[in-house]
Structures are given as structure tokens and as C-alpha cells.
Amino acid sequence: MMRKVLFWLIATAMVASVVASVFAGGHECQISAEECAKQLRAKFEKTTWLGIEKEKTPDGAVKVSAVTPGSPAAAAGFAVGDLLVAVNGVALTESDTEAWKKVKVAMEPGRRIDYAVSRNGVPLTLSATLATPPEAVIDGWIKEHIAKEHSHRAAASK
């Protein structure tokens, strides 16, 4: 249960970096690519965006692998290689679902969120004001999803 809560939280806060994992593998859209794109656009226009990409390290930590220039993450001072430790004081390893519910409620465009990170072993707190994703980012997420989840149908129908 806790893994699902952590995944949702990270996905909401860093949707740019996890869209592919949310829609990839084991999921096949049952609607047309056009309708899917329309539904995804409506969903993504209401989500939050930090502007980082992340990856799991071999020991299970979450590491920043890219920071989008001009993003809330860039403005807050995130850097490639930062290890994410906590969000609004709740450790990523925390299993308290009530604490994560409070963090989740705070995740909306315009809200300032504190991220505890470790940069080269030095603990830092970075405060970022979450934003709605730019159109270009939303377009990229949709194209990525369509390519992964709908292109096989087009190829199979030929």
C-alpha cells in the first residue's frame, strides 16, 4: 500500500519524469489515439509540474537525472545528481498514509513545496512553486504515450 502512495506522490510532483512509467507496460488503451490524446490533455492541464526527470539508483534512492531550464525546479536550484529525501517534511520512505495525504493535498499549481535533497552528501532544502505544465511539455507527454500505447495498433492493422 505504501509503495502505491509513494508512487502517486512522486508522479504528481514530478509528472514530467514518470508519465512513461504511468502509462507503459501492462496497459493498452482501448480508445482511439485521438480520444486518448484529448483525455490526456484534459488531465495534464490540471496536474502539477516541477520540471525534473528522475531515476532510481541501484540502492533504491530517487536521483534527479535532468532539470528543465526555466522550470520551477530550475528556479528552486535543483541540480542533476540531487537525491530526493523528503517532500514537505515527509520522508520518501515514510509509511504514514495520513502524512502523505497532507502532502498530496498541498500538491497543486501555485503552491510552494519544500523538498529535502542530498547533494554530494550535503543535506539541502529546496523550495519550489509548482506550476501547470507548459503546452510543449504536455504535447511531449501525449506524443510519448501515443507512440508507446497506440502505434502497435496502427502497425498491426497494416
Protein backbone atom coordinates (compact mmCIF):
# COMPACT_ATOMS: atom_id res chain seq x y z
CA MET A 1 0.00 0.00 0.00
CA MET A 2 2.76 2.43 0.91
CA ARG A 3 4.53 1.88 -2.41
CA LYS A 4 1.35 2.95 -4.21
CA VAL A 5 1.10 6.10 -2.08
CA LEU A 6 4.76 6.96 -2.70
CA PHE A 7 4.42 6.32 -6.42
CA TRP A 8 1.35 8.55 -6.66
CA LEU A 9 3.03 11.32 -4.74
CA ILE A 10 6.16 11.25 -6.82
CA ALA A 11 4.12 11.01 -10.01
CA THR A 12 2.07 14.03 -9.05
CA ALA A 13 5.04 16.12 -8.03
CA MET A 14 7.26 15.10 -10.89
CA VAL A 15 4.87 14.09 -13.58
CA ALA A 16 7.27 15.02 -16.34
CA SER A 17 9.59 12.28 -15.25
CA VAL A 18 7.09 9.50 -14.74
CA VAL A 19 4.47 9.82 -17.44
CA ALA A 20 6.06 7.00 -19.37
CA SER A 21 6.03 4.68 -16.36
CA VAL A 22 2.43 5.53 -15.53
CA PHE A 23 1.23 4.55 -18.99
CA ALA A 24 3.79 1.99 -20.08
CA GLY A 25 3.80 -1.73 -19.57
CA GLY A 26 0.73 -3.83 -18.94
CA HIS A 27 -1.60 -1.06 -20.10
CA GLU A 28 -3.16 -0.88 -23.52
CA CYS A 29 -5.52 1.91 -24.38
CA GLN A 30 -8.90 0.71 -25.53
CA ILE A 31 -9.85 4.04 -27.11
CA SER A 32 -8.69 5.76 -30.27
CA ALA A 33 -5.44 7.70 -30.24
CA GLU A 34 -7.38 10.91 -30.88
CA GLU A 35 -9.75 10.38 -27.95
CA CYS A 36 -6.87 9.29 -25.73
CA ALA A 37 -4.91 12.44 -26.60
CA LYS A 38 -7.94 14.59 -25.78
CA GLN A 39 -8.43 12.88 -22.39
CA LEU A 40 -4.73 13.07 -21.54
CA ARG A 41 -4.59 16.79 -22.41
CA ALA A 42 -7.54 17.49 -20.09
CA LYS A 43 -5.85 15.53 -17.30
CA PHE A 44 -2.38 17.06 -17.76
CA GLU A 45 -3.72 20.62 -17.88
CA LYS A 46 -4.92 20.11 -14.29
CA THR A 47 -1.78 18.50 -12.94
CA THR A 48 1.34 19.97 -11.36
CA TRP A 49 4.78 20.23 -12.85
CA LEU A 50 8.14 20.54 -11.18
CA GLY A 51 10.36 20.13 -14.22
CA ILE A 52 12.72 17.33 -13.29
CA GLU A 53 13.37 13.87 -14.57
CA LYS A 54 14.38 11.21 -12.10
CA GLU A 55 15.79 7.74 -11.94
CA LYS A 56 16.16 5.09 -9.28
CA THR A 57 19.65 4.35 -8.08
CA PRO A 58 20.74 0.74 -7.50
CA ASP A 59 20.10 1.20 -3.77
CA GLY A 60 16.54 2.45 -4.42
CA ALA A 61 17.10 6.18 -3.90
CA VAL A 62 15.47 8.68 -6.25
CA LYS A 63 18.04 10.77 -8.13
CA VAL A 64 17.44 13.84 -10.29
CA SER A 65 18.64 12.97 -13.80
CA ALA A 66 17.58 16.19 -15.58
CA VAL A 67 16.30 19.67 -14.73
CA THR A 68 14.23 21.52 -17.33
CA PRO A 69 15.57 25.05 -17.93
CA GLY A 70 13.05 27.68 -16.85
CA SER A 71 11.09 25.18 -14.73
CA PRO A 72 10.06 25.53 -11.09
CA ALA A 73 12.83 23.03 -10.28
CA ALA A 74 15.45 25.17 -12.02
CA ALA A 75 14.22 28.27 -10.18
CA ALA A 76 14.43 26.39 -6.87
CA GLY A 77 18.01 25.31 -7.52
CA PHE A 78 17.60 21.58 -8.24
CA ALA A 79 20.67 20.03 -9.85
CA VAL A 80 21.36 16.80 -11.71
CA GLY A 81 22.55 14.25 -9.17
CA ASP A 82 20.46 15.54 -6.25
CA LEU A 83 18.96 12.69 -4.23
CA LEU A 84 15.34 13.29 -3.19
CA VAL A 85 14.90 12.61 0.52
CA ALA A 86 11.57 14.14 1.60
CA VAL A 87 8.64 16.25 0.43
CA ASN A 88 7.18 18.83 2.82
CA GLY A 89 8.93 17.10 5.69
CA VAL A 90 7.68 13.60 4.87
CA ALA A 91 10.49 11.19 4.02
CA LEU A 92 10.11 9.23 0.80
CA THR A 93 10.49 6.11 2.94
CA GLU A 94 7.68 7.16 5.31
CA SER A 95 4.79 4.70 5.54
CA ASP A 96 2.33 7.04 7.29
CA THR A 97 -0.53 7.35 4.82
CA GLU A 98 -2.06 10.30 6.69
CA ALA A 99 1.17 12.26 6.31
CA TRP A 100 1.21 11.51 2.58
CA LYS A 101 -2.43 12.60 2.25
CA LYS A 102 -1.44 16.01 3.64
CA VAL A 103 1.43 16.25 1.18
CA LYS A 104 -0.88 15.23 -1.67
CA VAL A 105 -3.39 17.97 -0.79
CA ALA A 106 -0.60 20.55 -0.98
CA MET A 107 0.38 19.46 -4.48
CA GLU A 108 -1.40 21.98 -6.68
CA PRO A 109 -0.22 24.65 -9.11
CA GLY A 110 0.93 27.78 -7.33
CA ARG A 111 1.74 26.01 -4.05
CA ARG A 112 5.23 26.19 -2.63
CA ILE A 113 6.60 22.77 -1.74
CA ASP A 114 9.76 22.03 0.26
CA TYR A 115 11.99 19.22 -0.98
CA ALA A 116 14.75 17.79 1.18
CA VAL A 117 17.60 16.69 -1.03
CA SER A 118 21.10 15.41 -0.56
CA ARG A 119 23.68 16.99 -2.87
CA ASN A 120 27.05 15.29 -2.71
CA GLY A 121 26.19 14.13 0.80
CA VAL A 122 25.16 17.60 1.99
CA PRO A 123 21.52 17.99 3.06
CA LEU A 124 19.64 20.90 1.46
CA THR A 125 16.08 22.16 1.44
CA LEU A 126 14.84 23.45 -1.90
CA SER A 127 11.51 25.27 -2.13
CA ALA A 128 9.69 25.15 -5.45
CA THR A 129 6.42 26.69 -6.51
CA LEU A 130 4.62 24.05 -8.55
CA ALA A 131 3.24 25.08 -11.92
CA THR A 132 0.94 23.71 -14.56
CA PRO A 133 2.92 22.06 -17.32
CA PRO A 134 3.72 24.19 -20.38
CA GLU A 135 1.93 23.23 -23.61
CA ALA A 136 5.15 21.89 -25.11
CA VAL A 137 5.62 19.55 -22.14
CA ILE A 138 2.03 18.32 -22.34
CA ASP A 139 2.43 17.76 -26.09
CA GLY A 140 5.57 15.71 -25.45
CA TRP A 141 3.86 13.53 -22.82
CA ILE A 142 0.95 12.87 -25.16
CA LYS A 143 3.21 12.04 -28.12
CA GLU A 144 5.22 9.67 -25.95
CA HIS A 145 2.09 7.91 -24.74
CA ILE A 146 0.58 7.64 -28.24
CA ALA A 147 3.84 6.24 -29.62
CA LYS A 148 4.06 3.61 -26.88
CA GLU A 149 0.43 2.64 -26.50
CA HIS A 150 -1.17 3.23 -29.89
CA SER A 151 1.48 2.77 -32.57
CA HIS A 152 1.33 -1.02 -32.25
CA ARG A 153 -2.35 -0.91 -33.29
CA ALA A 154 -1.56 1.10 -36.40
CA ALA A 155 1.22 -1.33 -37.33
CA ALA A 156 -1.00 -4.37 -36.68
CA SER A 157 -3.78 -3.03 -38.88
CA LYS A 158 -1.50 -2.65 -41.92
